[in-house]
Protein backbone atom coordinates (compact mmCIF):
# COMPACT_ATOMS: atom_id res chain seq x y z
CA UNK A 1 177.85 98.06 9.11
CA UNK A 2 179.16 101.06 7.32
CA UNK A 3 177.35 102.00 4.11
CA UNK A 4 180.68 102.44 2.29
CA UNK A 5 181.32 98.68 2.38
CA UNK A 6 177.95 98.06 0.79
CA UNK A 7 178.51 100.66 -1.92
CA UNK A 8 181.94 99.29 -2.80
CA UNK A 9 181.08 95.58 -2.50
CA UNK A 10 177.65 95.52 -4.13
CA UNK A 11 178.86 95.51 -7.78
CA UNK A 12 181.17 92.58 -7.07
CA UNK A 13 178.41 90.61 -5.35
CA UNK A 14 176.02 91.32 -8.22
CA UNK A 15 178.65 90.30 -10.80
CA UNK A 16 179.35 87.07 -8.91
CA UNK A 17 175.71 86.00 -8.84
CA UNK A 18 175.20 87.11 -12.45
CA UNK A 19 178.14 84.91 -13.48
CA UNK A 20 176.70 81.98 -11.55
CA UNK A 21 173.35 82.54 -13.26
CA UNK A 22 174.85 82.34 -16.76
CA UNK A 23 177.07 79.39 -15.91
CA UNK A 24 174.03 77.50 -14.64
CA UNK A 25 172.04 78.52 -17.72
CA UNK A 26 174.80 77.29 -20.06
CA UNK A 27 174.97 73.96 -18.25
CA UNK A 28 178.30 74.29 -16.46
CA UNK A 29 176.97 72.59 -13.34
CA UNK A 30 175.34 69.58 -15.00
CA UNK A 31 176.39 66.30 -13.41
CA UNK A 32 176.58 64.43 -16.72
CA UNK A 33 180.14 65.03 -17.88
CA UNK A 34 180.56 64.27 -21.59
CA UNK A 35 183.71 66.35 -21.97
CA UNK A 36 186.03 63.47 -21.18
CA UNK A 37 184.43 61.40 -23.94
CA UNK A 38 184.82 64.21 -26.47
CA UNK A 39 188.44 64.95 -25.58
CA UNK A 40 189.88 61.45 -25.94
CA UNK A 41 190.93 59.99 -29.26
CA UNK A 42 190.28 56.30 -29.79
CA UNK A 43 192.86 55.60 -32.50
CA UNK A 44 195.84 57.49 -31.15
CA UNK A 45 198.99 55.51 -31.75
CA UNK A 46 202.36 55.77 -30.05
CA UNK A 47 203.96 57.16 -33.21
CA UNK A 48 201.53 60.09 -33.33
CA UNK A 49 202.38 61.05 -29.77
CA UNK A 50 206.09 60.97 -30.63
CA UNK A 51 205.45 63.28 -33.58
CA UNK A 52 203.68 65.76 -31.30
CA UNK A 53 206.52 65.58 -28.80
CA UNK A 54 209.04 66.30 -31.54
CA UNK A 55 207.05 69.33 -32.69
CA UNK A 56 207.02 70.88 -29.23
CA UNK A 57 210.58 69.93 -28.27
CA UNK A 58 212.36 71.33 -31.33
CA UNK A 59 214.94 74.01 -30.61
CA UNK A 60 214.86 77.36 -32.37
């Protein structure tokens, strides 16, 4: 293997594993997924969704 490939590729390999380290430390790979519970609204009515659609579909 040519040493030039190692010199050019080493920073990318180090950055990749460093990113994986921080993602694991912050809990990105935990199997318990509570995001779906936090994102859903329990009392969302049909009228509220129509209001949001009207906001985003208005013409300038």
